[in-house]
């Protein structure tokens, strides 16, 4: 069952506590393993930003759900890059320079640029995606060769245990440093925080939070 009002109230309260107005943070409702019917209910409840981890799973839902803005938040395989560039509105998980030309060429036929976030692996966890912090600038620079790739900021997933706030703080600092390197780009997005830690992420400057379980309940498979 959707927990729409509770989640929205918690996000708005966290925004106000951080000195920002209610509604300042975009809620991406993560629909991994949830059926198209649940996604349609989420959109009807006002969650129009829908996050998916897998390109093929999202493709099927896109055909059944109208009115959504689609975010790919899972790690992107090279052989799915071209399709992802055509299907999604936002990509949160650009983490390797070799993906840039695959995405950039495939995005050439889009009506609007693909909004891109570079994923950074701040904890150095080998089992997760994300580039090293010092590699982010090179990936952003590579995107400048492709007009239909619009880099908007950074994303991270902190370790599952321990205090996530130092990682959120580090990502905010890295974004500020990156803005100094690319003053001509509109790097204004920090995608960080999930169901268990989104309030801490908002306190540290998140502009997008990726919330699945707190909205949809437990995943239905996988």
C-alpha atoms as a PDB file:
ATOM      1  CA  UNK A   1       0.000   0.000   0.000  1.00  0.00           C
ATOM      2  CA  UNK A   2       1.262   3.430  -0.896  1.00  0.00           C
ATOM      3  CA  UNK A   3       2.410   5.605   2.006  1.00  0.00           C
ATOM      4  CA  UNK A   4       2.172   8.784  -0.022  1.00  0.00           C
ATOM      5  CA  UNK A   5       1.124  11.356   2.542  1.00  0.00           C
ATOM      6  CA  UNK A   6       3.428  10.088   5.283  1.00  0.00           C
ATOM      7  CA  UNK A   7       6.482  10.116   3.019  1.00  0.00           C
ATOM      8  CA  UNK A   8       5.687  13.525   1.595  1.00  0.00           C
ATOM      9  CA  UNK A   9       5.173  14.950   5.090  1.00  0.00           C
ATOM     10  CA  UNK A  10       8.512  13.565   6.271  1.00  0.00           C
ATOM     11  CA  UNK A  11      10.349  14.955   3.251  1.00  0.00           C
ATOM     12  CA  UNK A  12       8.716  18.363   3.672  1.00  0.00           C
ATOM     13  CA  UNK A  13       9.579  18.406   7.383  1.00  0.00           C
ATOM     14  CA  UNK A  14      13.193  17.563   6.591  1.00  0.00           C
ATOM     15  CA  UNK A  15      13.270  20.361   4.019  1.00  0.00           C
ATOM     16  CA  UNK A  16      12.016  22.900   6.527  1.00  0.00           C
ATOM     17  CA  UNK A  17      14.491  21.666   9.147  1.00  0.00           C
ATOM     18  CA  UNK A  18      17.310  22.296   6.666  1.00  0.00           C
ATOM     19  CA  UNK A  19      16.101  25.818   5.933  1.00  0.00           C
ATOM     20  CA  UNK A  20      14.467  25.030   2.615  1.00  0.00           C
ATOM     21  CA  UNK A  21      10.808  25.291   1.656  1.00  0.00           C
ATOM     22  CA  UNK A  22       8.556  22.253   1.549  1.00  0.00           C
ATOM     23  CA  UNK A  23       8.723  20.701  -1.912  1.00  0.00           C
ATOM     24  CA  UNK A  24      12.347  21.723  -2.467  1.00  0.00           C
ATOM     25  CA  UNK A  25      13.484  18.104  -2.734  1.00  0.00           C
ATOM     26  CA  UNK A  26      12.378  15.853  -5.579  1.00  0.00           C
ATOM     27  CA  UNK A  27      11.074  12.462  -4.494  1.00  0.00           C
ATOM     28  CA  UNK A  28      12.014   9.667  -6.890  1.00  0.00           C
ATOM     29  CA  UNK A  29       9.700   6.727  -6.151  1.00  0.00           C
ATOM     30  CA  UNK A  30      11.803   3.609  -6.711  1.00  0.00           C
ATOM     31  CA  UNK A  31       9.590   0.949  -8.279  1.00  0.00           C
ATOM     32  CA  UNK A  32      12.046  -1.924  -8.674  1.00  0.00           C
ATOM     33  CA  UNK A  33      10.152  -5.253  -8.718  1.00  0.00           C
ATOM     34  CA  UNK A  34       6.797  -3.526  -8.228  1.00  0.00           C
ATOM     35  CA  UNK A  35       4.207  -3.981 -10.993  1.00  0.00           C
ATOM     36  CA  UNK A  36       2.979  -1.340 -13.393  1.00  0.00           C
ATOM     37  CA  UNK A  37      -0.289  -1.098 -11.456  1.00  0.00           C
ATOM     38  CA  UNK A  38       1.586   0.024  -8.347  1.00  0.00           C
ATOM     39  CA  UNK A  39       3.544   2.549 -10.390  1.00  0.00           C
ATOM     40  CA  UNK A  40       0.327   3.946 -11.853  1.00  0.00           C
ATOM     41  CA  UNK A  41      -1.048   4.301  -8.314  1.00  0.00           C
ATOM     42  CA  UNK A  42       2.102   6.168  -7.277  1.00  0.00           C
ATOM     43  CA  UNK A  43       1.793   8.558 -10.207  1.00  0.00           C
ATOM     44  CA  UNK A  44      -1.863   9.143  -9.354  1.00  0.00           C
ATOM     45  CA  UNK A  45      -0.790   9.920  -5.775  1.00  0.00           C
ATOM     46  CA  UNK A  46       1.538  12.622  -7.054  1.00  0.00           C
ATOM     47  CA  UNK A  47       4.831  10.737  -7.328  1.00  0.00           C
ATOM     48  CA  UNK A  48       5.551  11.488 -10.965  1.00  0.00           C
ATOM     49  CA  UNK A  49       9.286  10.787 -10.752  1.00  0.00           C
ATOM     50  CA  UNK A  50       9.710   7.013 -11.019  1.00  0.00           C
ATOM     51  CA  UNK A  51      13.053   5.285 -10.433  1.00  0.00           C
ATOM     52  CA  UNK A  52      14.000   1.940 -11.932  1.00  0.00           C
ATOM     53  CA  UNK A  53      17.112  -0.197 -11.582  1.00  0.00           C
ATOM     54  CA  UNK A  54      16.800  -2.225 -14.771  1.00  0.00           C
ATOM     55  CA  UNK A  55      16.287  -1.002 -18.298  1.00  0.00           C
ATOM     56  CA  UNK A  56      14.168  -3.899 -19.529  1.00  0.00           C
ATOM     57  CA  UNK A  57      11.880  -3.923 -16.490  1.00  0.00           C
ATOM     58  CA  UNK A  58      11.322  -0.197 -16.856  1.00  0.00           C
ATOM     59  CA  UNK A  59      10.627  -0.477 -20.564  1.00  0.00           C
ATOM     60  CA  UNK A  60       7.656  -2.753 -19.926  1.00  0.00           C
ATOM     61  CA  UNK A  61       6.213  -0.399 -17.311  1.00  0.00           C
ATOM     62  CA  UNK A  62       6.661   2.655 -19.510  1.00  0.00           C
ATOM     63  CA  UNK A  63       4.275   1.133 -22.014  1.00  0.00           C
ATOM     64  CA  UNK A  64       1.596   0.785 -19.325  1.00  0.00           C
ATOM     65  CA  UNK A  65       2.045   3.968 -17.247  1.00  0.00           C
ATOM     66  CA  UNK A  66       1.423   7.513 -18.430  1.00  0.00           C
ATOM     67  CA  UNK A  67       2.440  10.819 -16.939  1.00  0.00           C
ATOM     68  CA  UNK A  68       5.722   9.737 -15.329  1.00  0.00           C
ATOM     69  CA  UNK A  69       9.253  11.081 -15.518  1.00  0.00           C
ATOM     70  CA  UNK A  70      11.572   8.070 -15.605  1.00  0.00           C
ATOM     71  CA  UNK A  71      14.881   7.843 -13.748  1.00  0.00           C
ATOM     72  CA  UNK A  72      17.408   5.034 -14.216  1.00  0.00           C
ATOM     73  CA  UNK A  73      19.139   4.662 -10.865  1.00  0.00           C
ATOM     74  CA  UNK A  74      20.715   1.215 -11.212  1.00  0.00           C
ATOM     75  CA  UNK A  75      24.133   0.497 -12.641  1.00  0.00           C
ATOM     76  CA  UNK A  76      24.069   0.695 -16.416  1.00  0.00           C
ATOM     77  CA  UNK A  77      25.517  -2.100 -18.531  1.00  0.00           C
ATOM     78  CA  UNK A  78      27.264  -1.067 -21.731  1.00  0.00           C
ATOM     79  CA  UNK A  79      24.948  -3.168 -23.878  1.00  0.00           C
ATOM     80  CA  UNK A  80      21.903  -1.353 -22.435  1.00  0.00           C
ATOM     81  CA  UNK A  81      23.309   2.163 -22.754  1.00  0.00           C
ATOM     82  CA  UNK A  82      21.800   2.986 -26.134  1.00  0.00           C
ATOM     83  CA  UNK A  83      18.342   1.841 -25.109  1.00  0.00           C
ATOM     84  CA  UNK A  84      18.567   3.681 -21.798  1.00  0.00           C
ATOM     85  CA  UNK A  85      19.473   6.901 -23.596  1.00  0.00           C
ATOM     86  CA  UNK A  86      16.281   6.642 -25.641  1.00  0.00           C
ATOM     87  CA  UNK A  87      13.897   5.604 -22.852  1.00  0.00           C
ATOM     88  CA  UNK A  88      14.780   7.541 -19.714  1.00  0.00           C
ATOM     89  CA  UNK A  89      14.498  11.206 -18.788  1.00  0.00           C
ATOM     90  CA  UNK A  90      17.191  11.022 -16.094  1.00  0.00           C
ATOM     91  CA  UNK A  91      20.240   8.805 -15.630  1.00  0.00           C
ATOM     92  CA  UNK A  92      21.637   8.787 -12.089  1.00  0.00           C
ATOM     93  CA  UNK A  93      24.354   6.182 -12.584  1.00  0.00           C
ATOM     94  CA  UNK A  94      26.874   7.337 -15.174  1.00  0.00           C
ATOM     95  CA  UNK A  95      30.104   6.004 -13.674  1.00  0.00           C
ATOM     96  CA  UNK A  96      32.445   5.047 -16.524  1.00  0.00           C
ATOM     97  CA  UNK A  97      33.882   7.142 -19.361  1.00  0.00           C
ATOM     98  CA  UNK A  98      33.273   4.371 -21.895  1.00  0.00           C
ATOM     99  CA  UNK A  99      29.523   4.819 -21.429  1.00  0.00           C
ATOM    100  CA  UNK A 100      29.631   8.448 -22.538  1.00  0.00           C
ATOM    101  CA  UNK A 101      29.911   7.953 -26.335  1.00  0.00           C
ATOM    102  CA  UNK A 102      27.372   5.114 -26.235  1.00  0.00           C
ATOM    103  CA  UNK A 103      24.880   7.358 -24.470  1.00  0.00           C
ATOM    104  CA  UNK A 104      25.760  10.475 -26.407  1.00  0.00           C
ATOM    105  CA  UNK A 105      25.320   8.949 -29.840  1.00  0.00           C
ATOM    106  CA  UNK A 106      22.068   7.225 -28.902  1.00  0.00           C
ATOM    107  CA  UNK A 107      20.667  10.424 -27.412  1.00  0.00           C
ATOM    108  CA  UNK A 108      21.094  12.420 -30.621  1.00  0.00           C
ATOM    109  CA  UNK A 109      17.514  11.765 -31.728  1.00  0.00           C
ATOM    110  CA  UNK A 110      15.901  12.861 -28.465  1.00  0.00           C
ATOM    111  CA  UNK A 111      13.608  15.858 -28.299  1.00  0.00           C
ATOM    112  CA  UNK A 112      15.101  16.937 -24.958  1.00  0.00           C
ATOM    113  CA  UNK A 113      18.570  16.233 -23.534  1.00  0.00           C
ATOM    114  CA  UNK A 114      19.097  13.257 -21.258  1.00  0.00           C
ATOM    115  CA  UNK A 115      19.604  14.647 -17.739  1.00  0.00           C
ATOM    116  CA  UNK A 116      22.699  12.969 -16.301  1.00  0.00           C
ATOM    117  CA  UNK A 117      24.177  12.505 -12.845  1.00  0.00           C
ATOM    118  CA  UNK A 118      27.630  11.051 -12.284  1.00  0.00           C
ATOM    119  CA  UNK A 119      27.583   8.329  -9.643  1.00  0.00           C
ATOM    120  CA  UNK A 120      30.460   8.507  -7.164  1.00  0.00           C
ATOM    121  CA  UNK A 121      31.559   5.585  -4.974  1.00  0.00           C
ATOM    122  CA  UNK A 122      32.782   7.509  -1.954  1.00  0.00           C
ATOM    123  CA  UNK A 123      33.371   4.467   0.253  1.00  0.00           C
ATOM    124  CA  UNK A 124      35.361   2.501  -2.326  1.00  0.00           C
ATOM    125  CA  UNK A 125      33.010  -0.482  -2.103  1.00  0.00           C
ATOM    126  CA  UNK A 126      34.021  -2.837  -4.891  1.00  0.00           C
ATOM    127  CA  UNK A 127      30.600  -4.465  -5.115  1.00  0.00           C
ATOM    128  CA  UNK A 128      28.913  -1.170  -5.981  1.00  0.00           C
ATOM    129  CA  UNK A 129      28.931   1.015  -9.030  1.00  0.00           C
ATOM    130  CA  UNK A 130      30.241   4.536  -9.037  1.00  0.00           C
ATOM    131  CA  UNK A 131      33.495   6.168 -10.049  1.00  0.00           C
ATOM    132  CA  UNK A 132      36.250   7.323  -7.729  1.00  0.00           C
ATOM    133  CA  UNK A 133      35.794  10.946  -6.681  1.00  0.00           C
ATOM    134  CA  UNK A 134      38.787  12.132  -8.683  1.00  0.00           C
ATOM    135  CA  UNK A 135      37.354  10.546 -11.851  1.00  0.00           C
ATOM    136  CA  UNK A 136      34.079  12.474 -11.844  1.00  0.00           C
ATOM    137  CA  UNK A 137      35.461  15.566 -13.574  1.00  0.00           C
ATOM    138  CA  UNK A 138      36.814  13.525 -16.477  1.00  0.00           C
ATOM    139  CA  UNK A 139      33.446  11.892 -17.063  1.00  0.00           C
ATOM    140  CA  UNK A 140      31.724  15.261 -16.994  1.00  0.00           C
ATOM    141  CA  UNK A 141      34.251  16.695 -19.434  1.00  0.00           C
ATOM    142  CA  UNK A 142      33.645  13.791 -21.828  1.00  0.00           C
ATOM    143  CA  UNK A 143      29.916  14.523 -21.834  1.00  0.00           C
ATOM    144  CA  UNK A 144      30.548  18.004 -23.211  1.00  0.00           C
ATOM    145  CA  UNK A 145      31.181  16.487 -26.636  1.00  0.00           C
ATOM    146  CA  UNK A 146      27.535  15.363 -26.804  1.00  0.00           C
ATOM    147  CA  UNK A 147      24.906  18.118 -26.859  1.00  0.00           C
ATOM    148  CA  UNK A 148      22.077  15.791 -25.843  1.00  0.00           C
ATOM    149  CA  UNK A 149      23.773  14.782 -22.595  1.00  0.00           C
ATOM    150  CA  UNK A 150      23.180  17.390 -19.919  1.00  0.00           C
ATOM    151  CA  UNK A 151      25.152  16.749 -16.741  1.00  0.00           C
ATOM    152  CA  UNK A 152      23.249  18.059 -13.738  1.00  0.00           C
ATOM    153  CA  UNK A 153      25.189  16.849 -10.703  1.00  0.00           C
ATOM    154  CA  UNK A 154      26.249  13.846  -8.654  1.00  0.00           C
ATOM    155  CA  UNK A 155      24.773  10.730  -7.055  1.00  0.00           C
ATOM    156  CA  UNK A 156      25.998   8.363  -4.354  1.00  0.00           C
ATOM    157  CA  UNK A 157      24.917   5.293  -2.377  1.00  0.00           C
ATOM    158  CA  UNK A 158      26.575   5.174   1.072  1.00  0.00           C
ATOM    159  CA  UNK A 159      27.463   1.926   2.846  1.00  0.00           C
ATOM    160  CA  UNK A 160      24.483   0.000   4.181  1.00  0.00           C
ATOM    161  CA  UNK A 161      25.775   0.199   7.761  1.00  0.00           C
ATOM    162  CA  UNK A 162      27.150   3.067   9.794  1.00  0.00           C
ATOM    163  CA  UNK A 163      26.444   6.773   9.678  1.00  0.00           C
ATOM    164  CA  UNK A 164      25.708   7.900   6.099  1.00  0.00           C
ATOM    165  CA  UNK A 165      26.055  11.604   6.794  1.00  0.00           C
ATOM    166  CA  UNK A 166      29.827  11.879   6.227  1.00  0.00           C
ATOM    167  CA  UNK A 167      29.308  10.432   2.730  1.00  0.00           C
ATOM    168  CA  UNK A 168      26.462  12.832   2.004  1.00  0.00           C
ATOM    169  CA  UNK A 169      28.635  15.680   3.229  1.00  0.00           C
ATOM    170  CA  UNK A 170      31.536  14.550   1.051  1.00  0.00           C
ATOM    171  CA  UNK A 171      29.299  14.434  -2.020  1.00  0.00           C
ATOM    172  CA  UNK A 172      28.094  17.971  -1.338  1.00  0.00           C
ATOM    173  CA  UNK A 173      31.701  19.121  -1.036  1.00  0.00           C
ATOM    174  CA  UNK A 174      32.651  17.322  -4.249  1.00  0.00           C
ATOM    175  CA  UNK A 175      29.787  18.982  -6.101  1.00  0.00           C
ATOM    176  CA  UNK A 176      30.951  22.406  -4.945  1.00  0.00           C
ATOM    177  CA  UNK A 177      34.479  21.624  -6.158  1.00  0.00           C
ATOM    178  CA  UNK A 178      33.135  20.332  -9.464  1.00  0.00           C
ATOM    179  CA  UNK A 179      31.084  23.480  -9.982  1.00  0.00           C
ATOM    180  CA  UNK A 180      34.292  25.492  -9.709  1.00  0.00           C
ATOM    181  CA  UNK A 181      35.851  23.364 -12.457  1.00  0.00           C
ATOM    182  CA  UNK A 182      32.842  23.722 -14.757  1.00  0.00           C
ATOM    183  CA  UNK A 183      31.374  27.188 -14.100  1.00  0.00           C
ATOM    184  CA  UNK A 184      29.444  27.118 -17.371  1.00  0.00           C
ATOM    185  CA  UNK A 185      27.429  24.032 -16.419  1.00  0.00           C
ATOM    186  CA  UNK A 186      24.282  23.981 -14.281  1.00  0.00           C
ATOM    187  CA  UNK A 187      25.473  21.431 -11.719  1.00  0.00           C
ATOM    188  CA  UNK A 188      22.723  21.797  -9.150  1.00  0.00           C
ATOM    189  CA  UNK A 189      21.619  18.271  -8.257  1.00  0.00           C
ATOM    190  CA  UNK A 190      22.612  15.916  -5.441  1.00  0.00           C
ATOM    191  CA  UNK A 191      20.878  12.539  -5.640  1.00  0.00           C
ATOM    192  CA  UNK A 192      21.418  10.906  -2.269  1.00  0.00           C
ATOM    193  CA  UNK A 193      19.293   9.295   0.401  1.00  0.00           C
ATOM    194  CA  UNK A 194      16.923   6.327   0.366  1.00  0.00           C
ATOM    195  CA  UNK A 195      14.097   5.020   2.560  1.00  0.00           C
ATOM    196  CA  UNK A 196      16.291   4.538   5.620  1.00  0.00           C
ATOM    197  CA  UNK A 197      18.341   7.724   5.494  1.00  0.00           C
ATOM    198  CA  UNK A 198      16.635  10.323   3.307  1.00  0.00           C
ATOM    199  CA  UNK A 199      16.126  12.772   6.169  1.00  0.00           C
ATOM    200  CA  UNK A 200      19.856  12.778   6.885  1.00  0.00           C
ATOM    201  CA  UNK A 201      20.533  13.266   3.170  1.00  0.00           C
ATOM    202  CA  UNK A 202      18.192  16.240   3.011  1.00  0.00           C
ATOM    203  CA  UNK A 203      19.939  17.753   6.028  1.00  0.00           C
ATOM    204  CA  UNK A 204      23.197  17.515   4.076  1.00  0.00           C
ATOM    205  CA  UNK A 205      21.826  19.138   0.926  1.00  0.00           C
ATOM    206  CA  UNK A 206      20.126  16.441  -1.149  1.00  0.00           C
ATOM    207  CA  UNK A 207      17.974  17.768  -3.977  1.00  0.00           C
ATOM    208  CA  UNK A 208      16.696  14.288  -4.929  1.00  0.00           C
ATOM    209  CA  UNK A 209      15.926  11.341  -2.672  1.00  0.00           C
ATOM    210  CA  UNK A 210      15.321   7.833  -4.003  1.00  0.00           C
ATOM    211  CA  UNK A 211      12.575   6.214  -1.918  1.00  0.00           C
ATOM    212  CA  UNK A 212      11.212   2.740  -2.580  1.00  0.00           C
ATOM    213  CA  UNK A 213      10.151   0.727   0.451  1.00  0.00           C
ATOM    214  CA  UNK A 214       8.762   3.693   2.383  1.00  0.00           C
ATOM    215  CA  UNK A 215       6.395   4.392  -0.536  1.00  0.00           C
ATOM    216  CA  UNK A 216       5.585   0.998  -2.039  1.00  0.00           C
ATOM    217  CA  UNK A 217       6.225  -1.328   0.891  1.00  0.00           C
ATOM    218  CA  UNK A 218       8.485  -4.414   0.661  1.00  0.00           C
ATOM    219  CA  UNK A 219       9.605  -5.462  -2.783  1.00  0.00           C
ATOM    220  CA  UNK A 220       7.533  -8.189  -4.373  1.00  0.00           C
ATOM    221  CA  UNK A 221      10.385 -10.225  -5.808  1.00  0.00           C
ATOM    222  CA  UNK A 222      14.092 -10.402  -6.620  1.00  0.00           C
END
